[in-house]
Amino acid sequence: MTNNANRFHHATKAYNPEAHSSFENMVALSEVLVYTDEDEWNGYTTVGVDPVVHIELRKWADVLLIAPLSANSLSKLANGIADNLIVSVSYLNSFLK
């Protein structure tokens, strides 16, 4: 989840509290895993030893859906700018297939 997606998610609490609560419950029960840009760097300290989140996600996922996709993320994908976790996974996945 990008920082902007996280802000959007928090805004859903005001206009759709049921959906917000449902999503929060799924995350709390580990039914939905949410990775952020910070996850990309927090556990990574040693080159060649620690797993890199965007590479591990690329190995794990058979399908990647970005929804909703902002114009900003779409333009990053189109131009090969991989400056956040979701675009890094997407770019790496399309590049290596």
C-alpha atoms as a PDB file:
ATOM      1  CA  MET A   1       0.000   0.000   0.000  1.00  0.00           C
ATOM      2  CA  THR A   2       1.479   3.313  -1.000  1.00  0.00           C
ATOM      3  CA  ASN A   3       1.334   6.270   1.370  1.00  0.00           C
ATOM      4  CA  ASN A   4      -1.435   7.835  -0.731  1.00  0.00           C
ATOM      5  CA  ALA A   5      -3.424   4.581  -0.727  1.00  0.00           C
ATOM      6  CA  ASN A   6      -3.079   4.464   3.045  1.00  0.00           C
ATOM      7  CA  ARG A   7      -4.486   8.006   3.315  1.00  0.00           C
ATOM      8  CA  PHE A   8      -7.361   6.976   1.049  1.00  0.00           C
ATOM      9  CA  HIS A   9      -8.016   3.916   3.217  1.00  0.00           C
ATOM     10  CA  HIS A  10      -8.154   5.993   6.389  1.00  0.00           C
ATOM     11  CA  ALA A  11     -10.643   8.330   4.710  1.00  0.00           C
ATOM     12  CA  THR A  12     -13.014   5.402   4.108  1.00  0.00           C
ATOM     13  CA  LYS A  13     -13.673   5.290   7.846  1.00  0.00           C
ATOM     14  CA  ALA A  14     -15.717   8.493   7.524  1.00  0.00           C
ATOM     15  CA  TYR A  15     -17.874   7.585   4.522  1.00  0.00           C
ATOM     16  CA  ASN A  16     -17.961   3.763   4.642  1.00  0.00           C
ATOM     17  CA  PRO A  17     -17.229   2.614   8.192  1.00  0.00           C
ATOM     18  CA  GLU A  18     -18.455  -0.929   7.509  1.00  0.00           C
ATOM     19  CA  ALA A  19     -16.002  -1.497   4.646  1.00  0.00           C
ATOM     20  CA  HIS A  20     -13.212   0.150   6.629  1.00  0.00           C
ATOM     21  CA  SER A  21     -13.890  -2.073   9.644  1.00  0.00           C
ATOM     22  CA  SER A  22     -14.149  -5.199   7.496  1.00  0.00           C
ATOM     23  CA  PHE A  23     -10.782  -4.533   5.884  1.00  0.00           C
ATOM     24  CA  GLU A  24      -9.161  -3.753   9.240  1.00  0.00           C
ATOM     25  CA  ASN A  25     -10.506  -7.048  10.646  1.00  0.00           C
ATOM     26  CA  MET A  26      -9.131  -9.037   7.699  1.00  0.00           C
ATOM     27  CA  VAL A  27      -5.723  -7.431   8.196  1.00  0.00           C
ATOM     28  CA  ALA A  28      -5.826  -8.116  11.948  1.00  0.00           C
ATOM     29  CA  LEU A  29      -6.650 -11.797  11.302  1.00  0.00           C
ATOM     30  CA  SER A  30      -3.885 -12.028   8.659  1.00  0.00           C
ATOM     31  CA  GLU A  31      -6.442 -12.854   5.972  1.00  0.00           C
ATOM     32  CA  VAL A  32      -5.065  -9.916   3.997  1.00  0.00           C
ATOM     33  CA  LEU A  33      -1.376  -9.029   4.046  1.00  0.00           C
ATOM     34  CA  VAL A  34      -0.601  -5.361   3.596  1.00  0.00           C
ATOM     35  CA  TYR A  35       2.899  -4.281   2.663  1.00  0.00           C
ATOM     36  CA  THR A  36       3.985  -0.653   2.646  1.00  0.00           C
ATOM     37  CA  ASP A  37       6.976   1.177   1.225  1.00  0.00           C
ATOM     38  CA  GLU A  38       8.524   1.064   4.711  1.00  0.00           C
ATOM     39  CA  ASP A  39       8.423  -2.763   4.652  1.00  0.00           C
ATOM     40  CA  GLU A  40      10.737  -2.633   1.667  1.00  0.00           C
ATOM     41  CA  TRP A  41      13.508  -1.094   3.791  1.00  0.00           C
ATOM     42  CA  ASN A  42      12.877  -1.878   7.475  1.00  0.00           C
ATOM     43  CA  GLY A  43      13.957  -5.530   7.395  1.00  0.00           C
ATOM     44  CA  TYR A  44      16.726  -5.110   4.861  1.00  0.00           C
ATOM     45  CA  THR A  45      20.149  -4.583   6.392  1.00  0.00           C
ATOM     46  CA  THR A  46      22.594  -7.034   4.793  1.00  0.00           C
ATOM     47  CA  VAL A  47      23.083  -7.450   1.043  1.00  0.00           C
ATOM     48  CA  GLY A  48      22.680 -11.051  -0.055  1.00  0.00           C
ATOM     49  CA  VAL A  49      21.325 -12.178   3.323  1.00  0.00           C
ATOM     50  CA  ASP A  50      18.062 -10.368   3.995  1.00  0.00           C
ATOM     51  CA  PRO A  51      15.166 -10.887   1.597  1.00  0.00           C
ATOM     52  CA  VAL A  52      14.128  -7.924  -0.536  1.00  0.00           C
ATOM     53  CA  VAL A  53      10.355  -7.494  -0.307  1.00  0.00           C
ATOM     54  CA  HIS A  54       9.648  -6.534  -3.926  1.00  0.00           C
ATOM     55  CA  ILE A  55      11.672  -9.500  -5.221  1.00  0.00           C
ATOM     56  CA  GLU A  56      10.017 -11.940  -2.802  1.00  0.00           C
ATOM     57  CA  LEU A  57       6.565 -10.668  -3.802  1.00  0.00           C
ATOM     58  CA  ARG A  58       7.457 -11.045  -7.466  1.00  0.00           C
ATOM     59  CA  LYS A  59       8.418 -14.696  -6.851  1.00  0.00           C
ATOM     60  CA  TRP A  60       5.259 -15.356  -4.834  1.00  0.00           C
ATOM     61  CA  ALA A  61       2.545 -13.711  -6.940  1.00  0.00           C
ATOM     62  CA  ASP A  62       1.042 -15.336 -10.003  1.00  0.00           C
ATOM     63  CA  VAL A  63      -1.180 -12.331 -10.656  1.00  0.00           C
ATOM     64  CA  LEU A  64      -0.830  -8.718  -9.633  1.00  0.00           C
ATOM     65  CA  LEU A  65      -3.813  -6.396  -9.516  1.00  0.00           C
ATOM     66  CA  ILE A  66      -3.384  -2.742  -8.681  1.00  0.00           C
ATOM     67  CA  ALA A  67      -6.782  -1.369  -7.788  1.00  0.00           C
ATOM     68  CA  PRO A  68      -7.522   1.420  -7.757  1.00  0.00           C
ATOM     69  CA  LEU A  69      -4.678   2.509  -9.993  1.00  0.00           C
ATOM     70  CA  SER A  70      -3.917   6.205  -9.790  1.00  0.00           C
ATOM     71  CA  ALA A  71      -2.779   8.227 -12.780  1.00  0.00           C
ATOM     72  CA  ASN A  72       0.468   8.807 -10.889  1.00  0.00           C
ATOM     73  CA  SER A  73       1.192   5.069 -10.539  1.00  0.00           C
ATOM     74  CA  LEU A  74       0.127   4.425 -14.132  1.00  0.00           C
ATOM     75  CA  SER A  75       2.550   7.059 -15.390  1.00  0.00           C
ATOM     76  CA  LYS A  76       5.335   5.557 -13.261  1.00  0.00           C
ATOM     77  CA  LEU A  77       4.639   2.118 -14.738  1.00  0.00           C
ATOM     78  CA  ALA A  78       4.582   3.511 -18.279  1.00  0.00           C
ATOM     79  CA  ASN A  79       7.890   5.323 -17.785  1.00  0.00           C
ATOM     80  CA  GLY A  80       9.737   2.700 -15.737  1.00  0.00           C
ATOM     81  CA  ILE A  81       9.915   4.771 -12.555  1.00  0.00           C
ATOM     82  CA  ALA A  82      10.076   2.317  -9.660  1.00  0.00           C
ATOM     83  CA  ASP A  83      10.223   4.516  -6.577  1.00  0.00           C
ATOM     84  CA  ASN A  84       7.747   2.681  -4.351  1.00  0.00           C
ATOM     85  CA  LEU A  85       7.010  -0.942  -3.490  1.00  0.00           C
ATOM     86  CA  ILE A  86       3.997  -1.519  -5.729  1.00  0.00           C
ATOM     87  CA  VAL A  87       5.608  -0.045  -8.825  1.00  0.00           C
ATOM     88  CA  SER A  88       8.849  -1.948  -8.117  1.00  0.00           C
ATOM     89  CA  VAL A  89       6.975  -5.262  -7.997  1.00  0.00           C
ATOM     90  CA  SER A  90       4.963  -4.407 -11.113  1.00  0.00           C
ATOM     91  CA  TYR A  91       7.952  -3.225 -13.097  1.00  0.00           C
ATOM     92  CA  LEU A  92      10.098  -6.186 -12.076  1.00  0.00           C
ATOM     93  CA  ASN A  93       7.315  -8.640 -12.855  1.00  0.00           C
ATOM     94  CA  SER A  94       6.681  -7.266 -16.358  1.00  0.00           C
ATOM     95  CA  PHE A  95      10.393  -6.936 -17.084  1.00  0.00           C
ATOM     96  CA  LEU A  96      11.291 -10.531 -16.155  1.00  0.00           C
ATOM     97  CA  LYS A  97       8.436 -12.414 -17.830  1.00  0.00           C
END
